[in-house]
PDB file of N, CA and C in Angstrom:
ATOM      1  N   MET A   1       0.807  -1.195   0.000  1.00  0.00           N
ATOM      2  CA  MET A   1       0.000   0.000   0.000  1.00  0.00           C
ATOM      3  C   MET A   1       0.856   1.267   0.000  1.00  0.00           C
ATOM      4  N   TRP A   2       2.126   1.132   0.370  1.00  0.00           N
ATOM      5  CA  TRP A   2       2.977   2.316   0.503  1.00  0.00           C
ATOM      6  C   TRP A   2       3.138   3.076  -0.801  1.00  0.00           C
ATOM      7  N   ASN A   3       3.001   2.394  -1.941  1.00  0.00           N
ATOM      8  CA  ASN A   3       3.192   3.089  -3.209  1.00  0.00           C
ATOM      9  C   ASN A   3       1.877   3.446  -3.900  1.00  0.00           C
ATOM     10  N   GLY A   4       0.745   3.202  -3.242  1.00  0.00           N
ATOM     11  CA  GLY A   4      -0.526   3.462  -3.875  1.00  0.00           C
ATOM     12  C   GLY A   4      -1.367   4.538  -3.204  1.00  0.00           C
ATOM     13  N   VAL A   5      -1.023   4.885  -1.969  1.00  0.00           N
ATOM     14  CA  VAL A   5      -1.783   5.889  -1.221  1.00  0.00           C
ATOM     15  C   VAL A   5      -0.812   7.002  -0.815  1.00  0.00           C
ATOM     16  N   PRO A   6      -1.030   8.223  -1.272  1.00  0.00           N
ATOM     17  CA  PRO A   6      -0.080   9.307  -0.997  1.00  0.00           C
ATOM     18  C   PRO A   6       0.261   9.481   0.484  1.00  0.00           C
ATOM     19  N   GLU A   7      -0.725   9.383   1.352  1.00  0.00           N
ATOM     20  CA  GLU A   7      -0.464   9.562   2.785  1.00  0.00           C
ATOM     21  C   GLU A   7       0.448   8.461   3.325  1.00  0.00           C
ATOM     22  N   VAL A   8       0.262   7.247   2.840  1.00  0.00           N
ATOM     23  CA  VAL A   8       1.104   6.126   3.265  1.00  0.00           C
ATOM     24  C   VAL A   8       2.508   6.295   2.694  1.00  0.00           C
ATOM     25  N   ALA A   9       2.598   6.727   1.440  1.00  0.00           N
ATOM     26  CA  ALA A   9       3.908   6.960   0.824  1.00  0.00           C
ATOM     27  C   ALA A   9       4.688   8.024   1.589  1.00  0.00           C
ATOM     28  N   GLU A  10       4.004   9.077   2.001  1.00  0.00           N
ATOM     29  CA  GLU A  10       4.654  10.141   2.770  1.00  0.00           C
ATOM     30  C   GLU A  10       5.176   9.603   4.097  1.00  0.00           C
ATOM     31  N   LYS A  11       4.356   8.820   4.780  1.00  0.00           N
ATOM     32  CA  LYS A  11       4.767   8.242   6.059  1.00  0.00           C
ATOM     33  C   LYS A  11       5.931   7.273   5.854  1.00  0.00           C
ATOM     34  N   TRP A  12       5.882   6.481   4.783  1.00  0.00           N
ATOM     35  CA  TRP A  12       6.960   5.552   4.458  1.00  0.00           C
ATOM     36  C   TRP A  12       8.273   6.317   4.288  1.00  0.00           C
ATOM     37  N   GLN A  13       8.232   7.434   3.571  1.00  0.00           N
ATOM     38  CA  GLN A  13       9.434   8.237   3.369  1.00  0.00           C
ATOM     39  C   GLN A  13       9.959   8.805   4.683  1.00  0.00           C
ATOM     40  N   GLU A  14       9.072   9.210   5.564  1.00  0.00           N
ATOM     41  CA  GLU A  14       9.483   9.693   6.887  1.00  0.00           C
ATOM     42  C   GLU A  14      10.195   8.593   7.666  1.00  0.00           C
ATOM     43  N   ILE A  15       9.627   7.414   7.644  1.00  0.00           N
ATOM     44  CA  ILE A  15      10.217   6.278   8.364  1.00  0.00           C
ATOM     45  C   ILE A  15      11.588   5.940   7.785  1.00  0.00           C
ATOM     46  N   MET A  16      11.676   5.874   6.468  1.00  0.00           N
ATOM     47  CA  MET A  16      12.947   5.539   5.826  1.00  0.00           C
ATOM     48  C   MET A  16      13.999   6.613   6.095  1.00  0.00           C
ATOM     49  N   SER A  17      13.600   7.868   6.078  1.00  0.00           N
ATOM     50  CA  SER A  17      14.531   8.961   6.369  1.00  0.00           C
ATOM     51  C   SER A  17      15.055   8.841   7.798  1.00  0.00           C
ATOM     52  N   GLY A  18      14.174   8.522   8.725  1.00  0.00           N
ATOM     53  CA  GLY A  18      14.588   8.331  10.117  1.00  0.00           C
ATOM     54  C   GLY A  18      15.537   7.156  10.269  1.00  0.00           C
ATOM     55  N   LEU A  19      15.281   6.103   9.515  1.00  0.00           N
ATOM     56  CA  LEU A  19      16.150   4.931   9.553  1.00  0.00           C
ATOM     57  C   LEU A  19      17.533   5.266   8.994  1.00  0.00           C
ATOM     58  N   VAL A  20      17.579   6.033   7.917  1.00  0.00           N
ATOM     59  CA  VAL A  20      18.862   6.463   7.352  1.00  0.00           C
ATOM     60  C   VAL A  20      19.604   7.338   8.365  1.00  0.00           C
ATOM     61  N   ASP A  21      18.899   8.259   9.006  1.00  0.00           N
ATOM     62  CA  ASP A  21      19.521   9.122  10.021  1.00  0.00           C
ATOM     63  C   ASP A  21      20.122   8.293  11.154  1.00  0.00           C
ATOM     64  N   ALA A  22      19.358   7.333  11.647  1.00  0.00           N
ATOM     65  CA  ALA A  22      19.823   6.494  12.755  1.00  0.00           C
ATOM     66  C   ALA A  22      21.004   5.619  12.335  1.00  0.00           C
ATOM     67  N   THR A  23      20.958   5.095  11.122  1.00  0.00           N
ATOM     68  CA  THR A  23      22.049   4.264  10.626  1.00  0.00           C
ATOM     69  C   THR A  23      23.317   5.093  10.449  1.00  0.00           C
ATOM     70  N   ALA A  24      23.195   6.291   9.875  1.00  0.00           N
ATOM     71  CA  ALA A  24      24.358   7.170   9.697  1.00  0.00           C
ATOM     72  C   ALA A  24      24.967   7.544  11.052  1.00  0.00           C
ATOM     73  N   ALA A  25      24.131   7.834  12.021  1.00  0.00           N
ATOM     74  CA  ALA A  25      24.627   8.162  13.362  1.00  0.00           C
ATOM     75  C   ALA A  25      25.376   6.979  13.968  1.00  0.00           C
ATOM     76  N   ALA A  26      24.843   5.773  13.769  1.00  0.00           N
ATOM     77  CA  ALA A  26      25.515   4.582  14.293  1.00  0.00           C
ATOM     78  C   ALA A  26      26.865   4.367  13.607  1.00  0.00           C
ATOM     79  N   ILE A  27      26.922   4.580  12.304  1.00  0.00           N
ATOM     80  CA  ILE A  27      28.192   4.442  11.567  1.00  0.00           C
ATOM     81  C   ILE A  27      29.207   5.452  12.103  1.00  0.00           C
ATOM     82  N   ASP A  28      28.787   6.702  12.239  1.00  0.00           N
ATOM     83  CA  ASP A  28      29.690   7.727  12.772  1.00  0.00           C
ATOM     84  C   ASP A  28      30.160   7.374  14.183  1.00  0.00           C
ATOM     85  N   ARG A  29      29.243   6.927  15.013  1.00  0.00           N
ATOM     86  CA  ARG A  29      29.583   6.566  16.397  1.00  0.00           C
ATOM     87  C   ARG A  29      30.616   5.433  16.427  1.00  0.00           C
ATOM     88  N   GLU A  30      30.386   4.414  15.603  1.00  0.00           N
ATOM     89  CA  GLU A  30      31.307   3.280  15.578  1.00  0.00           C
ATOM     90  C   GLU A  30      32.667   3.667  15.004  1.00  0.00           C
ATOM     91  N   ARG A  31      32.678   4.567  14.040  1.00  0.00           N
ATOM     92  CA  ARG A  31      33.952   5.059  13.500  1.00  0.00           C
ATOM     93  C   ARG A  31      34.679   5.903  14.538  1.00  0.00           C
ATOM     94  N   ASP A  32      33.939   6.752  15.239  1.00  0.00           N
ATOM     95  CA  ASP A  32      34.547   7.620  16.253  1.00  0.00           C
ATOM     96  C   ASP A  32      35.204   6.824  17.372  1.00  0.00           C
ATOM     97  N   ARG A  33      34.620   5.697  17.731  1.00  0.00           N
ATOM     98  CA  ARG A  33      35.205   4.905  18.819  1.00  0.00           C
ATOM     99  C   ARG A  33      36.234   3.895  18.322  1.00  0.00           C
ATOM    100  N   GLY A  34      36.482   3.885  17.003  1.00  0.00           N
ATOM    101  CA  GLY A  34      37.510   3.036  16.433  1.00  0.00           C
ATOM    102  C   GLY A  34      37.075   1.620  16.120  1.00  0.00           C
ATOM    103  N   ALA A  35      35.792   1.336  16.231  1.00  0.00           N
ATOM    104  CA  ALA A  35      35.285  -0.020  15.976  1.00  0.00           C
ATOM    105  C   ALA A  35      35.017  -0.275  14.498  1.00  0.00           C
ATOM    106  N   ALA A  36      34.823   0.788  13.723  1.00  0.00           N
ATOM    107  CA  ALA A  36      34.557   0.657  12.287  1.00  0.00           C
ATOM    108  C   ALA A  36      35.571   1.507  11.531  1.00  0.00           C
ATOM    109  N   PRO A  37      36.045   1.008  10.396  1.00  0.00           N
ATOM    110  CA  PRO A  37      37.032   1.773   9.629  1.00  0.00           C
ATOM    111  C   PRO A  37      36.387   2.933   8.879  1.00  0.00           C
ATOM    112  N   ASP A  38      37.234   3.888   8.496  1.00  0.00           N
ATOM    113  CA  ASP A  38      36.747   4.963   7.629  1.00  0.00           C
ATOM    114  C   ASP A  38      36.303   4.364   6.303  1.00  0.00           C
ATOM    115  N   GLY A  39      35.464   5.091   5.620  1.00  0.00           N
ATOM    116  CA  GLY A  39      34.970   4.632   4.332  1.00  0.00           C
ATOM    117  C   GLY A  39      34.140   5.729   3.710  1.00  0.00           C
ATOM    118  N   PRO A  40      33.135   5.346   2.939  1.00  0.00           N
ATOM    119  CA  PRO A  40      32.266   6.357   2.331  1.00  0.00           C
ATOM    120  C   PRO A  40      31.602   7.211   3.416  1.00  0.00           C
ATOM    121  N   ALA A  41      31.143   8.371   3.013  1.00  0.00           N
ATOM    122  CA  ALA A  41      30.417   9.234   3.949  1.00  0.00           C
ATOM    123  C   ALA A  41      29.310   8.433   4.621  1.00  0.00           C
ATOM    124  N   ALA A  42      29.171   8.610   5.934  1.00  0.00           N
ATOM    125  CA  ALA A  42      28.227   7.800   6.713  1.00  0.00           C
ATOM    126  C   ALA A  42      26.805   7.870   6.154  1.00  0.00           C
ATOM    127  N   ARG A  43      26.355   9.061   5.794  1.00  0.00           N
ATOM    128  CA  ARG A  43      24.988   9.193   5.277  1.00  0.00           C
ATOM    129  C   ARG A  43      24.831   8.472   3.937  1.00  0.00           C
ATOM    130  N   GLN A  44      25.817   8.590   3.079  1.00  0.00           N
ATOM    131  CA  GLN A  44      25.766   7.906   1.792  1.00  0.00           C
ATOM    132  C   GLN A  44      25.745   6.389   1.987  1.00  0.00           C
ATOM    133  N   LEU A  45      26.591   5.894   2.888  1.00  0.00           N
ATOM    134  CA  LEU A  45      26.622   4.468   3.179  1.00  0.00           C
ATOM    135  C   LEU A  45      25.296   4.009   3.780  1.00  0.00           C
ATOM    136  N   ALA A  46      24.758   4.792   4.700  1.00  0.00           N
ATOM    137  CA  ALA A  46      23.474   4.442   5.325  1.00  0.00           C
ATOM    138  C   ALA A  46      22.355   4.385   4.291  1.00  0.00           C
ATOM    139  N   GLN A  47      22.323   5.362   3.392  1.00  0.00           N
ATOM    140  CA  GLN A  47      21.296   5.390   2.339  1.00  0.00           C
ATOM    141  C   GLN A  47      21.403   4.148   1.461  1.00  0.00           C
ATOM    142  N   THR A  48      22.629   3.817   1.065  1.00  0.00           N
ATOM    143  CA  THR A  48      22.844   2.654   0.208  1.00  0.00           C
ATOM    144  C   THR A  48      22.427   1.367   0.908  1.00  0.00           C
ATOM    145  N   LEU A  49      22.839   1.211   2.156  1.00  0.00           N
ATOM    146  CA  LEU A  49      22.479   0.002   2.904  1.00  0.00           C
ATOM    147  C   LEU A  49      20.968  -0.137   3.063  1.00  0.00           C
ATOM    148  N   ASN A  50      20.307   0.967   3.345  1.00  0.00           N
ATOM    149  CA  ASN A  50      18.854   0.908   3.514  1.00  0.00           C
ATOM    150  C   ASN A  50      18.141   0.661   2.186  1.00  0.00           C
ATOM    151  N   ASP A  51      18.636   1.253   1.097  1.00  0.00           N
ATOM    152  CA  ASP A  51      18.034   0.993  -0.222  1.00  0.00           C
ATOM    153  C   ASP A  51      18.173  -0.475  -0.614  1.00  0.00           C
ATOM    154  N   VAL A  52      19.381  -0.999  -0.405  1.00  0.00           N
ATOM    155  CA  VAL A  52      19.619  -2.408  -0.746  1.00  0.00           C
ATOM    156  C   VAL A  52      18.760  -3.308   0.131  1.00  0.00           C
ATOM    157  N   GLY A  53      18.702  -2.999   1.420  1.00  0.00           N
ATOM    158  CA  GLY A  53      17.877  -3.790   2.327  1.00  0.00           C
ATOM    159  C   GLY A  53      16.413  -3.781   1.928  1.00  0.00           C
ATOM    160  N   THR A  54      15.920  -2.617   1.548  1.00  0.00           N
ATOM    161  CA  THR A  54      14.530  -2.518   1.101  1.00  0.00           C
ATOM    162  C   THR A  54      14.311  -3.341  -0.164  1.00  0.00           C
ATOM    163  N   SER A  55      15.257  -3.273  -1.085  1.00  0.00           N
ATOM    164  CA  SER A  55      15.137  -4.062  -2.323  1.00  0.00           C
ATOM    165  C   SER A  55      15.105  -5.556  -2.028  1.00  0.00           C
ATOM    166  N   VAL A  56      15.956  -5.996  -1.115  1.00  0.00           N
ATOM    167  CA  VAL A  56      15.971  -7.424  -0.754  1.00  0.00           C
ATOM    168  C   VAL A  56      14.623  -7.835  -0.164  1.00  0.00           C
ATOM    169  N   TRP A  57      14.093  -7.030   0.737  1.00  0.00           N
ATOM    170  CA  TRP A  57      12.793  -7.339   1.335  1.00  0.00           C
ATOM    171  C   TRP A  57      11.695  -7.387   0.276  1.00  0.00           C
ATOM    172  N   MET A  58      11.641  -6.340  -0.570  1.00  0.00           N
ATOM    173  CA  MET A  58      10.575  -6.269  -1.565  1.00  0.00           C
ATOM    174  C   MET A  58      10.660  -7.427  -2.558  1.00  0.00           C
ATOM    175  N   ARG A  59      11.864  -7.714  -3.026  1.00  0.00           N
ATOM    176  CA  ARG A  59      12.017  -8.812  -3.984  1.00  0.00           C
ATOM    177  C   ARG A  59      11.724 -10.157  -3.346  1.00  0.00           C
ATOM    178  N   SER A  60      12.067 -10.310  -2.077  1.00  0.00           N
ATOM    179  CA  SER A  60      11.803 -11.575  -1.385  1.00  0.00           C
ATOM    180  C   SER A  60      10.309 -11.795  -1.143  1.00  0.00           C
ATOM    181  N   ILE A  61       9.620 -10.729  -0.819  1.00  0.00           N
ATOM    182  CA  ILE A  61       8.187 -10.846  -0.496  1.00  0.00           C
ATOM    183  C   ILE A  61       7.328 -10.784  -1.746  1.00  0.00           C
ATOM    184  N   TYR A  62       7.585  -9.785  -2.627  1.00  0.00           N
ATOM    185  CA  TYR A  62       6.700  -9.519  -3.755  1.00  0.00           C
ATOM    186  C   TYR A  62       7.274  -9.917  -5.111  1.00  0.00           C
ATOM    187  N   LEU A  63       8.547 -10.326  -5.132  1.00  0.00           N
ATOM    188  CA  LEU A  63       9.235 -10.640  -6.385  1.00  0.00           C
ATOM    189  C   LEU A  63       9.309  -9.418  -7.306  1.00  0.00           C
ATOM    190  N   ALA A  64       9.315  -8.226  -6.711  1.00  0.00           N
ATOM    191  CA  ALA A  64       9.394  -6.983  -7.463  1.00  0.00           C
ATOM    192  C   ALA A  64       9.891  -5.874  -6.538  1.00  0.00           C
ATOM    193  N   ASP A  65      10.561  -4.864  -7.107  1.00  0.00           N
ATOM    194  CA  ASP A  65      11.004  -3.727  -6.312  1.00  0.00           C
ATOM    195  C   ASP A  65       9.859  -2.784  -5.959  1.00  0.00           C
ATOM    196  N   ASP A  66       8.905  -2.699  -6.852  1.00  0.00           N
ATOM    197  CA  ASP A  66       7.813  -1.748  -6.681  1.00  0.00           C
ATOM    198  C   ASP A  66       6.515  -2.399  -7.150  1.00  0.00           C
ATOM    199  N   PRO A  67       5.958  -3.299  -6.339  1.00  0.00           N
ATOM    200  CA  PRO A  67       4.767  -4.014  -6.772  1.00  0.00           C
ATOM    201  C   PRO A  67       3.571  -3.082  -6.973  1.00  0.00           C
ATOM    202  N   ALA A  68       2.750  -3.433  -7.916  1.00  0.00           N
ATOM    203  CA  ALA A  68       1.529  -2.653  -8.177  1.00  0.00           C
ATOM    204  C   ALA A  68       0.580  -2.769  -6.992  1.00  0.00           C
ATOM    205  N   PRO A  69       0.024  -1.646  -6.533  1.00  0.00           N
ATOM    206  CA  PRO A  69      -0.950  -1.710  -5.441  1.00  0.00           C
ATOM    207  C   PRO A  69      -2.231  -2.390  -5.887  1.00  0.00           C
ATOM    208  N   ARG A  70      -2.885  -3.026  -4.972  1.00  0.00           N
ATOM    209  CA  ARG A  70      -4.159  -3.681  -5.292  1.00  0.00           C
ATOM    210  C   ARG A  70      -5.267  -3.119  -4.465  1.00  0.00           C
TER     211      ARG A  70
END
């Protein structure tokens, strides 16, 4: 339903943005304490990881990245 109802799509984007923010903060925190090596910008890495994760979930459940709403 997230891609078929504007209000749900908006909420989905809010949730995903929050997840990217939290992931980037965790990457920065782990790098700051020396537990994770330097690499791509934390926000860019977080965005990529979350996009890939979403694709894996969608393809596993719906066999598509963007299934048609019903």
